[in-house]
C-alpha atoms as a PDB file:
ATOM      1  CA  MET A   1       5.609   5.159 -25.052  1.00  0.00           C
ATOM      2  CA  VAL A   2       4.602   7.197 -28.964  1.00  0.00           C
ATOM      3  CA  THR A   3       0.890   8.743 -29.435  1.00  0.00           C
ATOM      4  CA  HIS A   4      -0.317   9.979 -32.342  1.00  0.00           C
ATOM      5  CA  HIS A   5      -3.003  13.000 -31.954  1.00  0.00           C
ATOM      6  CA  GLY A   6      -5.127  14.208 -34.925  1.00  0.00           C
ATOM      7  CA  LYS A   7      -6.318  16.892 -33.134  1.00  0.00           C
ATOM      8  CA  PRO A   8      -6.432  20.485 -32.800  1.00  0.00           C
ATOM      9  CA  MET A   9      -2.933  19.271 -35.397  1.00  0.00           C
ATOM     10  CA  LEU A  10      -1.524  16.045 -36.676  1.00  0.00           C
ATOM     11  CA  THR A  11       1.190  15.191 -34.278  1.00  0.00           C
ATOM     12  CA  LYS A  12       3.473  12.141 -33.329  1.00  0.00           C
ATOM     13  CA  VAL A  13       4.196  12.805 -29.306  1.00  0.00           C
ATOM     14  CA  CYS A  14       7.301  10.732 -28.390  1.00  0.00           C
ATOM     15  CA  THR A  15       7.406   9.652 -24.293  1.00  0.00           C
ATOM     16  CA  GLU A  16      10.457   8.591 -22.681  1.00  0.00           C
ATOM     17  CA  GLY A  17       9.907   6.917 -19.060  1.00  0.00           C
ATOM     18  CA  ARG A  18      10.141   4.225 -16.279  1.00  0.00           C
ATOM     19  CA  LEU A  19       6.793   2.244 -15.468  1.00  0.00           C
ATOM     20  CA  ILE A  20       7.012   0.940 -11.454  1.00  0.00           C
ATOM     21  CA  LEU A  21       4.250  -1.838 -10.976  1.00  0.00           C
ATOM     22  CA  GLU A  22       4.073  -3.340  -7.706  1.00  0.00           C
ATOM     23  CA  PHE A  23       1.493  -5.781  -7.651  1.00  0.00           C
ATOM     24  CA  THR A  24       0.023  -7.684  -4.469  1.00  0.00           C
ATOM     25  CA  PHE A  25       0.943 -11.271  -3.720  1.00  0.00           C
ATOM     26  CA  ASP A  26      -2.784 -12.703  -4.015  1.00  0.00           C
ATOM     27  CA  ASP A  27      -4.108 -15.047  -6.887  1.00  0.00           C
ATOM     28  CA  LEU A  28      -5.241 -11.790  -9.228  1.00  0.00           C
ATOM     29  CA  MET A  29      -1.698 -10.518  -9.402  1.00  0.00           C
ATOM     30  CA  ARG A  30      -3.592  -6.937  -8.774  1.00  0.00           C
ATOM     31  CA  ILE A  31      -1.624  -3.440  -8.779  1.00  0.00           C
ATOM     32  CA  LYS A  32      -1.123  -3.092  -5.510  1.00  0.00           C
ATOM     33  CA  SER A  33       1.054   0.755  -5.951  1.00  0.00           C
ATOM     34  CA  TRP A  34       2.295   1.795  -9.481  1.00  0.00           C
ATOM     35  CA  HIS A  35       4.691   4.946 -10.294  1.00  0.00           C
ATOM     36  CA  PHE A  36       5.209   5.799 -13.933  1.00  0.00           C
ATOM     37  CA  ALA A  37       8.177   8.545 -13.923  1.00  0.00           C
ATOM     38  CA  VAL A  38       8.615  10.365 -17.404  1.00  0.00           C
ATOM     39  CA  ARG A  39      12.254  11.312 -18.661  1.00  0.00           C
ATOM     40  CA  GLN A  40      11.938  13.178 -21.765  1.00  0.00           C
ATOM     41  CA  HIS A  41       9.272  13.777 -24.029  1.00  0.00           C
ATOM     42  CA  ARG A  42       8.711  15.355 -27.492  1.00  0.00           C
ATOM     43  CA  GLU A  43       5.978  16.558 -29.422  1.00  0.00           C
ATOM     44  CA  LEU A  44       6.594  15.771 -33.432  1.00  0.00           C
ATOM     45  CA  VAL A  45       4.832  18.051 -36.100  1.00  0.00           C
ATOM     46  CA  PRO A  46       5.267  17.389 -39.401  1.00  0.00           C
ATOM     47  CA  ARG A  47       6.884  20.407 -42.304  1.00  0.00           C
ATOM     48  CA  THR A  48       3.646  20.509 -44.399  1.00  0.00           C
ATOM     49  CA  ILE A  49       1.764  21.853 -41.319  1.00  0.00           C
ATOM     50  CA  VAL A  50       5.747  23.818 -40.498  1.00  0.00           C
ATOM     51  CA  GLY A  51       5.488  25.240 -43.527  1.00  0.00           C
ATOM     52  CA  MET A  52       1.686  26.989 -43.605  1.00  0.00           C
ATOM     53  CA  GLN A  53       2.104  30.730 -43.387  1.00  0.00           C
ATOM     54  CA  ASP A  54      -1.398  31.200 -41.257  1.00  0.00           C
ATOM     55  CA  PRO A  55      -1.008  32.988 -38.019  1.00  0.00           C
ATOM     56  CA  SER A  56      -3.562  31.223 -36.210  1.00  0.00           C
ATOM     57  CA  MET A  57      -1.964  27.895 -37.001  1.00  0.00           C
ATOM     58  CA  LEU A  58       1.534  28.645 -36.072  1.00  0.00           C
ATOM     59  CA  GLU A  59       0.067  30.146 -32.613  1.00  0.00           C
ATOM     60  CA  GLN A  60      -1.354  26.835 -31.953  1.00  0.00           C
ATOM     61  CA  LEU A  61       2.069  25.353 -33.028  1.00  0.00           C
ATOM     62  CA  THR A  62       3.736  26.292 -30.289  1.00  0.00           C
ATOM     63  CA  LYS A  63       1.518  25.237 -27.402  1.00  0.00           C
ATOM     64  CA  ASN A  64       2.380  21.916 -26.139  1.00  0.00           C
ATOM     65  CA  ILE A  65      -0.351  19.974 -26.847  1.00  0.00           C
ATOM     66  CA  THR A  66       0.225  17.634 -23.514  1.00  0.00           C
ATOM     67  CA  ARG A  67       1.591  17.804 -20.388  1.00  0.00           C
ATOM     68  CA  GLN A  68       4.437  16.498 -20.238  1.00  0.00           C
ATOM     69  CA  GLY A  69       3.994  13.985 -23.453  1.00  0.00           C
ATOM     70  CA  ILE A  70       0.055  12.453 -21.422  1.00  0.00           C
ATOM     71  CA  THR A  71      -2.438  13.897 -22.890  1.00  0.00           C
ATOM     72  CA  ASN A  72      -4.950  16.023 -20.651  1.00  0.00           C
ATOM     73  CA  SER A  73      -7.893  13.653 -20.663  1.00  0.00           C
ATOM     74  CA  THR A  74      -5.360  10.446 -19.479  1.00  0.00           C
ATOM     75  CA  LEU A  75      -4.508  12.844 -16.272  1.00  0.00           C
ATOM     76  CA  ASN A  76      -8.361  13.727 -15.945  1.00  0.00           C
ATOM     77  CA  TYR A  77      -8.501   9.742 -15.522  1.00  0.00           C
ATOM     78  CA  LEU A  78      -5.378   9.140 -13.631  1.00  0.00           C
ATOM     79  CA  ARG A  79      -6.572  11.691 -11.114  1.00  0.00           C
ATOM     80  CA  LEU A  80     -10.261  10.889 -11.184  1.00  0.00           C
ATOM     81  CA  CYS A  81      -8.543   6.670  -9.867  1.00  0.00           C
ATOM     82  CA  VAL A  82      -7.030   8.899  -7.142  1.00  0.00           C
ATOM     83  CA  ILE A  83     -10.539   9.906  -5.912  1.00  0.00           C
ATOM     84  CA  LEU A  84     -12.099   6.302  -6.291  1.00  0.00           C
ATOM     85  CA  GLU A  85      -9.075   3.798  -5.357  1.00  0.00           C
ATOM     86  CA  PRO A  86      -9.707   4.778  -1.391  1.00  0.00           C
ATOM     87  CA  MET A  87     -13.444   4.283  -2.238  1.00  0.00           C
ATOM     88  CA  GLN A  88     -12.754   0.845  -3.718  1.00  0.00           C
ATOM     89  CA  GLU A  89     -13.362  -0.800   0.021  1.00  0.00           C
ATOM     90  CA  LEU A  90     -16.349   0.692  -0.282  1.00  0.00           C
ATOM     91  CA  MET A  91     -18.044  -0.259  -3.168  1.00  0.00           C
ATOM     92  CA  SER A  92     -17.316  -3.406  -2.850  1.00  0.00           C
ATOM     93  CA  ARG A  93     -18.704  -3.614   0.639  1.00  0.00           C
ATOM     94  CA  HIS A  94     -22.156  -2.670  -1.309  1.00  0.00           C
ATOM     95  CA  LYS A  95     -22.454  -5.072  -4.130  1.00  0.00           C
ATOM     96  CA  ALA A  96     -21.686  -7.629  -1.568  1.00  0.00           C
ATOM     97  CA  TYR A  97     -24.433  -6.780   1.674  1.00  0.00           C
ATOM     98  CA  ALA A  98     -26.766  -5.274  -0.446  1.00  0.00           C
ATOM     99  CA  LEU A  99     -26.008  -1.999   2.317  1.00  0.00           C
ATOM    100  CA  SER A 100     -26.668   1.721   1.650  1.00  0.00           C
ATOM    101  CA  PRO A 101     -23.861   3.527   1.185  1.00  0.00           C
ATOM    102  CA  ARG A 102     -24.184   5.522   4.400  1.00  0.00           C
ATOM    103  CA  ASP A 103     -24.461   1.562   6.372  1.00  0.00           C
ATOM    104  CA  CYS A 104     -21.122   0.551   4.271  1.00  0.00           C
ATOM    105  CA  LEU A 105     -18.748   3.703   5.223  1.00  0.00           C
ATOM    106  CA  LYS A 106     -20.116   3.139   9.375  1.00  0.00           C
ATOM    107  CA  THR A 107     -19.830  -0.431   9.087  1.00  0.00           C
ATOM    108  CA  ALA A 108     -15.822  -0.065   7.594  1.00  0.00           C
ATOM    109  CA  LEU A 109     -15.205   2.571  10.038  1.00  0.00           C
ATOM    110  CA  PHE A 110     -15.907   0.676  12.641  1.00  0.00           C
ATOM    111  CA  GLN A 111     -14.391  -1.851  11.844  1.00  0.00           C
ATOM    112  CA  LYS A 112     -11.228   0.194  11.291  1.00  0.00           C
ATOM    113  CA  TRP A 113     -11.629   1.672  14.302  1.00  0.00           C
ATOM    114  CA  GLN A 114     -12.289  -2.686  16.539  1.00  0.00           C
ATOM    115  CA  ARG A 115      -8.740  -2.821  14.680  1.00  0.00           C
ATOM    116  CA  MET A 116      -7.081   0.318  16.561  1.00  0.00           C
ATOM    117  CA  VAL A 117      -7.753  -0.648  19.281  1.00  0.00           C
ATOM    118  CA  ALA A 118      -8.322  -4.291  20.047  1.00  0.00           C
ATOM    119  CA  PRO A 119      -5.100  -5.660  17.848  1.00  0.00           C
ATOM    120  CA  PRO A 120      -5.620  -9.406  16.820  1.00  0.00           C
ATOM    121  CA  GLU A 121      -5.015 -12.066  20.125  1.00  0.00           C
ATOM    122  CA  SER A 122      -2.428 -13.921  17.101  1.00  0.00           C
ATOM    123  CA  GLN A 123      -0.020 -11.193  17.000  1.00  0.00           C
ATOM    124  CA  ARG A 124       0.582 -11.424  20.709  1.00  0.00           C
ATOM    125  CA  PRO A 125       1.475 -14.175  22.319  1.00  0.00           C
ATOM    126  CA  ALA A 126       4.281 -14.874  18.819  1.00  0.00           C
ATOM    127  CA  ASN A 127       5.879 -12.004  20.681  1.00  0.00           C
ATOM    128  CA  LYS A 128       6.123 -13.858  24.067  1.00  0.00           C
ATOM    129  CA  ARG A 129       7.321 -17.637  22.160  1.00  0.00           C
ATOM    130  CA  ARG A 130       9.962 -14.935  19.993  1.00  0.00           C
ATOM    131  CA  LYS A 131      11.452 -13.383  23.222  1.00  0.00           C
ATOM    132  CA  ARG A 132      11.624 -16.796  25.127  1.00  0.00           C
ATOM    133  CA  LYS A 133      12.984 -18.948  22.495  1.00  0.00           C
ATOM    134  CA  GLY A 134      15.658 -15.682  22.399  1.00  0.00           C
ATOM    135  CA  SER A 135      16.527 -16.749  26.152  1.00  0.00           C
ATOM    136  CA  GLN A 136      16.526 -20.288  25.405  1.00  0.00           C
ATOM    137  CA  SER A 137      18.968 -20.487  22.555  1.00  0.00           C
ATOM    138  CA  GLY A 138      21.440 -18.132  24.383  1.00  0.00           C
ATOM    139  CA  GLY A 139      22.173 -20.167  27.242  1.00  0.00           C
ATOM    140  CA  ALA A 140      21.806 -24.034  25.559  1.00  0.00           C
ATOM    141  CA  ALA A 141      25.439 -21.925  23.492  1.00  0.00           C
ATOM    142  CA  ASN A 142      26.837 -22.091  27.237  1.00  0.00           C
ATOM    143  CA  SER A 143      28.481 -25.459  28.623  1.00  0.00           C
ATOM    144  CA  ALA A 144      27.311 -25.233  32.038  1.00  0.00           C
ATOM    145  CA  PRO A 145      23.902 -25.865  33.036  1.00  0.00           C
ATOM    146  CA  PRO A 146      20.999 -22.656  32.706  1.00  0.00           C
ATOM    147  CA  ALA A 147      21.005 -21.047  35.876  1.00  0.00           C
ATOM    148  CA  PRO A 148      17.420 -20.943  37.460  1.00  0.00           C
ATOM    149  CA  SER A 149      15.538 -18.191  36.851  1.00  0.00           C
ATOM    150  CA  LYS A 150      13.057 -16.053  39.191  1.00  0.00           C
ATOM    151  CA  LYS A 151      10.567 -15.531  37.453  1.00  0.00           C
ATOM    152  CA  ARG A 152       9.693 -20.013  37.085  1.00  0.00           C
ATOM    153  CA  SER A 153       7.072 -20.975  38.906  1.00  0.00           C
ATOM    154  CA  PRO A 154       7.571 -23.243  41.741  1.00  0.00           C
ATOM    155  CA  GLY A 155       5.802 -26.213  40.215  1.00  0.00           C
ATOM    156  CA  PRO A 156       2.984 -28.125  41.997  1.00  0.00           C
ATOM    157  CA  ASN A 157       4.399 -29.737  44.408  1.00  0.00           C
ATOM    158  CA  PHE A 158       4.764 -26.370  46.270  1.00  0.00           C
ATOM    159  CA  SER A 159       2.340 -26.409  49.373  1.00  0.00           C
ATOM    160  CA  LEU A 160       1.874 -23.324  51.460  1.00  0.00           C
ATOM    161  CA  ALA A 161       1.782 -24.880  54.596  1.00  0.00           C
ATOM    162  CA  SER A 162       4.832 -26.388  54.018  1.00  0.00           C
ATOM    163  CA  GLN A 163       6.660 -23.332  53.834  1.00  0.00           C
ATOM    164  CA  VAL A 164       4.841 -21.552  56.584  1.00  0.00           C
ATOM    165  CA  SER A 165       6.888 -21.766  60.159  1.00  0.00           C
ATOM    166  CA  PRO A 166       4.937 -23.035  62.552  1.00  0.00           C
ATOM    167  CA  VAL A 167       5.787 -20.256  65.493  1.00  0.00           C
ATOM    168  CA  LEU A 168       3.609 -17.560  62.806  1.00  0.00           C
ATOM    169  CA  CYS A 169       0.946 -19.288  62.859  1.00  0.00           C
END
């Protein structure tokens, strides 16, 4: 990345780095997360400015105008984004339902609490199905018939009266 700066003096900043973007899997392809790692940076000053004998100008030349090749205004913007990103859900809820900010926060917290306390029902049967499916596929690999399980239901034809001895009655 190459940027040109006019203040406090004419400077060209060359920043080398790696940008890693992770996108969401929806139609909008929004950025889910990103990471920018700066490998190196250089601040280049024209020779005409370096040749000046002004002590105040030379003092300014010794100071970097960027931090690791990124300007202070960019860093401040990124700090603001870090603060505002968690509030995105509240802002969209405020826009959609015309609730006050306090009510948006209350409903968002209540819904997150509900999700933590009572997980969705669709997950529970999926786990049970996987277990049964795995145990049946293991028995199907043998050539011998599967052994009856102790947990199986006796079926609809089971009568409790036929199993009780007349002496006990």
